[in-house]
Amino acid sequence: MASLFAKLQYKNQETILLLNAPAEFQPYLTEIVEQAHIDNAPDGDKRYDFAIVFVKSGAEVAASSALASTHMNDDAVLWFAYPKKSSQKYQTDINRDHGWQPLGDLGYEPVRQVAIDADWSALRFRTASHIKSMTRGFAMSEEGKRRTKKS
């Protein structure tokens, strides 16, 4: 079985931005702790190639989405982890299909979903301009909406 960070498309980026991670996520970090430096908050003007942002509500998505445009490199691997509806530990008002429009407003589209554990899933977001083929019938970003109309 592939490791969690392999599923999250971690490719030996030197520094990872990890925001709001719950304590139960810490054991997963042993997989990469010797390969990467982990910042638990944005470091000044530093830009990242890999980030995981844990959010529990649409309000947290809105509050955290600005980092996508201010602290991420072009076409970085950007994941937002959120509680599953089936979680016994967390309540949420977001799911795979709803609650992500603040990222769409910044030009991002969801491209992949990964299960982290029994309580958390993660969605990867990319800017629509970096998505090779948009074959879906919906989009959140203006660029994505233009491209899905052409299909």
C-alpha atoms as a PDB file:
ATOM      1  CA  MET A   1       0.000   0.000   0.000  1.00  0.00           C
ATOM      2  CA  ALA A   2       1.316   3.438  -0.888  1.00  0.00           C
ATOM      3  CA  SER A   3       2.345   5.674   1.975  1.00  0.00           C
ATOM      4  CA  LEU A   4       0.224   8.704   2.763  1.00  0.00           C
ATOM      5  CA  PHE A   5       2.788  11.162   1.438  1.00  0.00           C
ATOM      6  CA  ALA A   6       3.147   9.163  -1.782  1.00  0.00           C
ATOM      7  CA  LYS A   7      -0.637   9.444  -2.225  1.00  0.00           C
ATOM      8  CA  LEU A   8      -0.323  13.164  -1.522  1.00  0.00           C
ATOM      9  CA  GLN A   9       2.198  13.434  -4.377  1.00  0.00           C
ATOM     10  CA  TYR A  10       5.077  14.497  -2.152  1.00  0.00           C
ATOM     11  CA  LYS A  11       8.211  14.543  -4.336  1.00  0.00           C
ATOM     12  CA  ASN A  12      11.008  15.402  -1.891  1.00  0.00           C
ATOM     13  CA  GLN A  13      10.211  19.103  -1.650  1.00  0.00           C
ATOM     14  CA  GLU A  14      12.665  20.573   0.854  1.00  0.00           C
ATOM     15  CA  THR A  15      10.152  22.573   2.870  1.00  0.00           C
ATOM     16  CA  ILE A  16       6.521  21.787   3.600  1.00  0.00           C
ATOM     17  CA  LEU A  17       3.910  24.188   4.912  1.00  0.00           C
ATOM     18  CA  LEU A  18       1.627  22.352   7.353  1.00  0.00           C
ATOM     19  CA  LEU A  19      -1.179  24.418   8.876  1.00  0.00           C
ATOM     20  CA  ASN A  20      -3.594  23.517  11.670  1.00  0.00           C
ATOM     21  CA  ALA A  21      -2.648  19.830  11.724  1.00  0.00           C
ATOM     22  CA  PRO A  22      -4.393  17.883  14.491  1.00  0.00           C
ATOM     23  CA  ALA A  23      -2.293  15.890  16.935  1.00  0.00           C
ATOM     24  CA  GLU A  24      -3.332  12.608  15.329  1.00  0.00           C
ATOM     25  CA  PHE A  25      -1.595  13.646  12.093  1.00  0.00           C
ATOM     26  CA  GLN A  26       1.835  13.861  13.744  1.00  0.00           C
ATOM     27  CA  PRO A  27       2.724  10.136  13.327  1.00  0.00           C
ATOM     28  CA  TYR A  28       2.428  10.515   9.542  1.00  0.00           C
ATOM     29  CA  LEU A  29       5.217  13.094   9.623  1.00  0.00           C
ATOM     30  CA  THR A  30       7.791  10.467  10.624  1.00  0.00           C
ATOM     31  CA  GLU A  31       7.641   9.378   6.990  1.00  0.00           C
ATOM     32  CA  ILE A  32       9.194  12.645   5.776  1.00  0.00           C
ATOM     33  CA  VAL A  33      10.803  14.296   8.805  1.00  0.00           C
ATOM     34  CA  GLU A  34      14.336  13.437   7.638  1.00  0.00           C
ATOM     35  CA  GLN A  35      13.677  14.656   4.088  1.00  0.00           C
ATOM     36  CA  ALA A  36      11.857  17.917   4.648  1.00  0.00           C
ATOM     37  CA  HIS A  37      11.741  20.900   6.938  1.00  0.00           C
ATOM     38  CA  ILE A  38       8.181  21.497   8.143  1.00  0.00           C
ATOM     39  CA  ASP A  39       6.904  25.026   8.723  1.00  0.00           C
ATOM     40  CA  ASN A  40       3.772  25.188  10.883  1.00  0.00           C
ATOM     41  CA  ALA A  41       3.136  28.784   9.846  1.00  0.00           C
ATOM     42  CA  PRO A  42       4.124  30.762   6.755  1.00  0.00           C
ATOM     43  CA  ASP A  43       7.684  32.033   7.142  1.00  0.00           C
ATOM     44  CA  GLY A  44       7.695  35.686   6.088  1.00  0.00           C
ATOM     45  CA  ASP A  45       7.668  35.985   2.299  1.00  0.00           C
ATOM     46  CA  LYS A  46       8.783  32.380   1.760  1.00  0.00           C
ATOM     47  CA  ARG A  47       6.960  30.519  -1.011  1.00  0.00           C
ATOM     48  CA  TYR A  48       6.247  26.799  -0.826  1.00  0.00           C
ATOM     49  CA  ASP A  49       6.066  23.926  -3.320  1.00  0.00           C
ATOM     50  CA  PHE A  50       4.015  21.666  -1.030  1.00  0.00           C
ATOM     51  CA  ALA A  51       1.374  22.470   1.585  1.00  0.00           C
ATOM     52  CA  ILE A  52      -1.318  20.752   3.609  1.00  0.00           C
ATOM     53  CA  VAL A  53      -3.892  22.987   5.262  1.00  0.00           C
ATOM     54  CA  PHE A  54      -6.322  21.416   7.747  1.00  0.00           C
ATOM     55  CA  VAL A  55      -9.728  23.122   7.895  1.00  0.00           C
ATOM     56  CA  LYS A  56     -12.952  22.211   9.695  1.00  0.00           C
ATOM     57  CA  SER A  57     -15.405  24.722   8.231  1.00  0.00           C
ATOM     58  CA  GLY A  58     -16.176  26.918   5.284  1.00  0.00           C
ATOM     59  CA  ALA A  59     -15.106  29.896   7.384  1.00  0.00           C
ATOM     60  CA  GLU A  60     -11.671  28.296   7.864  1.00  0.00           C
ATOM     61  CA  VAL A  61     -11.434  27.644   4.108  1.00  0.00           C
ATOM     62  CA  ALA A  62     -12.128  31.330   3.486  1.00  0.00           C
ATOM     63  CA  ALA A  63      -9.596  32.413   6.108  1.00  0.00           C
ATOM     64  CA  SER A  64      -6.873  30.042   4.845  1.00  0.00           C
ATOM     65  CA  SER A  65      -7.367  30.352   1.097  1.00  0.00           C
ATOM     66  CA  ALA A  66      -5.380  33.584   0.794  1.00  0.00           C
ATOM     67  CA  LEU A  67      -2.201  31.629   1.529  1.00  0.00           C
ATOM     68  CA  ALA A  68      -2.701  29.886  -1.800  1.00  0.00           C
ATOM     69  CA  SER A  69      -2.025  33.091  -3.644  1.00  0.00           C
ATOM     70  CA  THR A  70       0.507  34.631  -1.279  1.00  0.00           C
ATOM     71  CA  HIS A  71       2.704  31.751  -0.082  1.00  0.00           C
ATOM     72  CA  MET A  72       2.595  29.089  -2.806  1.00  0.00           C
ATOM     73  CA  ASN A  73       4.901  28.788  -5.796  1.00  0.00           C
ATOM     74  CA  ASP A  74       3.446  28.467  -9.260  1.00  0.00           C
ATOM     75  CA  ASP A  75       1.795  25.029  -9.642  1.00  0.00           C
ATOM     76  CA  ALA A  76       2.670  23.952  -6.104  1.00  0.00           C
ATOM     77  CA  VAL A  77       1.108  20.848  -4.559  1.00  0.00           C
ATOM     78  CA  LEU A  78      -1.648  22.366  -2.404  1.00  0.00           C
ATOM     79  CA  TRP A  79      -3.878  20.148  -0.261  1.00  0.00           C
ATOM     80  CA  PHE A  80      -6.771  21.143   1.959  1.00  0.00           C
ATOM     81  CA  ALA A  81      -7.644  18.437   4.496  1.00  0.00           C
ATOM     82  CA  TYR A  82     -11.166  18.421   5.910  1.00  0.00           C
ATOM     83  CA  PRO A  83     -13.239  16.170   8.203  1.00  0.00           C
ATOM     84  CA  LYS A  84     -15.212  13.399   6.584  1.00  0.00           C
ATOM     85  CA  LYS A  85     -18.972  13.513   7.104  1.00  0.00           C
ATOM     86  CA  SER A  86     -18.613  10.083   8.757  1.00  0.00           C
ATOM     87  CA  SER A  87     -16.120  11.379  11.339  1.00  0.00           C
ATOM     88  CA  GLN A  88     -17.140  10.653  14.917  1.00  0.00           C
ATOM     89  CA  LYS A  89     -14.639  13.217  16.191  1.00  0.00           C
ATOM     90  CA  TYR A  90     -15.265  16.303  14.018  1.00  0.00           C
ATOM     91  CA  GLN A  91     -18.290  18.186  12.716  1.00  0.00           C
ATOM     92  CA  THR A  92     -18.046  20.129   9.465  1.00  0.00           C
ATOM     93  CA  ASP A  93     -20.065  22.149   6.980  1.00  0.00           C
ATOM     94  CA  ILE A  94     -17.793  21.315   4.018  1.00  0.00           C
ATOM     95  CA  ASN A  95     -17.397  18.213   1.880  1.00  0.00           C
ATOM     96  CA  ARG A  96     -15.788  17.171  -1.383  1.00  0.00           C
ATOM     97  CA  ASP A  97     -18.263  19.197  -3.442  1.00  0.00           C
ATOM     98  CA  HIS A  98     -19.126  22.193  -1.265  1.00  0.00           C
ATOM     99  CA  GLY A  99     -17.327  24.901   0.678  1.00  0.00           C
ATOM    100  CA  TRP A 100     -14.333  25.571  -1.574  1.00  0.00           C
ATOM    101  CA  GLN A 101     -15.445  28.631  -3.548  1.00  0.00           C
ATOM    102  CA  PRO A 102     -12.893  30.944  -1.855  1.00  0.00           C
ATOM    103  CA  LEU A 103     -10.208  28.868  -3.623  1.00  0.00           C
ATOM    104  CA  GLY A 104     -12.158  29.036  -6.884  1.00  0.00           C
ATOM    105  CA  ASP A 105     -12.224  32.816  -6.554  1.00  0.00           C
ATOM    106  CA  LEU A 106      -8.406  32.680  -6.527  1.00  0.00           C
ATOM    107  CA  GLY A 107      -8.297  30.590  -9.720  1.00  0.00           C
ATOM    108  CA  TYR A 108      -8.018  27.115  -8.149  1.00  0.00           C
ATOM    109  CA  GLU A 109      -9.885  23.919  -9.027  1.00  0.00           C
ATOM    110  CA  PRO A 110     -10.028  20.617  -7.114  1.00  0.00           C
ATOM    111  CA  VAL A 111      -8.161  17.889  -8.993  1.00  0.00           C
ATOM    112  CA  ARG A 112      -7.709  14.933  -6.644  1.00  0.00           C
ATOM    113  CA  GLN A 113      -9.101  13.507  -3.410  1.00  0.00           C
ATOM    114  CA  VAL A 114      -7.218  11.284  -0.943  1.00  0.00           C
ATOM    115  CA  ALA A 115      -8.368   9.644   2.290  1.00  0.00           C
ATOM    116  CA  ILE A 116      -5.969  10.435   5.134  1.00  0.00           C
ATOM    117  CA  ASP A 117      -7.585   8.337   7.869  1.00  0.00           C
ATOM    118  CA  ALA A 118     -11.019   7.549   9.338  1.00  0.00           C
ATOM    119  CA  ASP A 119     -11.628  11.228  10.148  1.00  0.00           C
ATOM    120  CA  TRP A 120      -9.884  13.218   7.401  1.00  0.00           C
ATOM    121  CA  SER A 121      -9.897  13.471   3.614  1.00  0.00           C
ATOM    122  CA  ALA A 122      -7.825  15.851   1.521  1.00  0.00           C
ATOM    123  CA  LEU A 123      -8.486  17.680  -1.743  1.00  0.00           C
ATOM    124  CA  ARG A 124      -5.662  18.832  -3.976  1.00  0.00           C
ATOM    125  CA  PHE A 125      -6.145  22.177  -5.694  1.00  0.00           C
ATOM    126  CA  ARG A 126      -4.359  23.491  -8.791  1.00  0.00           C
ATOM    127  CA  THR A 127      -4.733  26.688 -10.716  1.00  0.00           C
ATOM    128  CA  ALA A 128      -6.960  26.035 -13.720  1.00  0.00           C
ATOM    129  CA  SER A 129      -4.209  27.217 -16.065  1.00  0.00           C
ATOM    130  CA  HIS A 130      -2.059  24.239 -14.972  1.00  0.00           C
ATOM    131  CA  ILE A 131      -4.752  21.600 -15.496  1.00  0.00           C
ATOM    132  CA  LYS A 132      -4.054  19.939 -18.840  1.00  0.00           C
ATOM    133  CA  SER A 133      -7.549  18.680 -19.541  1.00  0.00           C
ATOM    134  CA  MET A 134     -10.759  19.812 -17.872  1.00  0.00           C
ATOM    135  CA  THR A 135     -13.385  17.267 -18.863  1.00  0.00           C
ATOM    136  CA  ARG A 136     -15.767  17.839 -15.969  1.00  0.00           C
ATOM    137  CA  GLY A 137     -19.061  19.645 -16.295  1.00  0.00           C
ATOM    138  CA  PHE A 138     -18.462  22.150 -13.502  1.00  0.00           C
ATOM    139  CA  ALA A 139     -15.802  24.620 -12.410  1.00  0.00           C
ATOM    140  CA  MET A 140     -15.227  27.084  -9.571  1.00  0.00           C
ATOM    141  CA  SER A 141     -12.723  29.473 -11.159  1.00  0.00           C
ATOM    142  CA  GLU A 142     -13.353  31.847 -14.053  1.00  0.00           C
ATOM    143  CA  GLU A 143     -10.629  30.129 -16.115  1.00  0.00           C
ATOM    144  CA  GLY A 144     -12.138  26.737 -15.312  1.00  0.00           C
ATOM    145  CA  LYS A 145     -15.612  27.905 -16.338  1.00  0.00           C
ATOM    146  CA  ARG A 146     -14.269  29.141 -19.680  1.00  0.00           C
ATOM    147  CA  ARG A 147     -12.483  25.859 -20.309  1.00  0.00           C
ATOM    148  CA  THR A 148     -15.428  23.629 -19.372  1.00  0.00           C
ATOM    149  CA  LYS A 149     -17.723  25.561 -21.735  1.00  0.00           C
ATOM    150  CA  LYS A 150     -15.335  24.774 -24.609  1.00  0.00           C
ATOM    151  CA  SER A 151     -15.518  21.026 -23.946  1.00  0.00           C
END
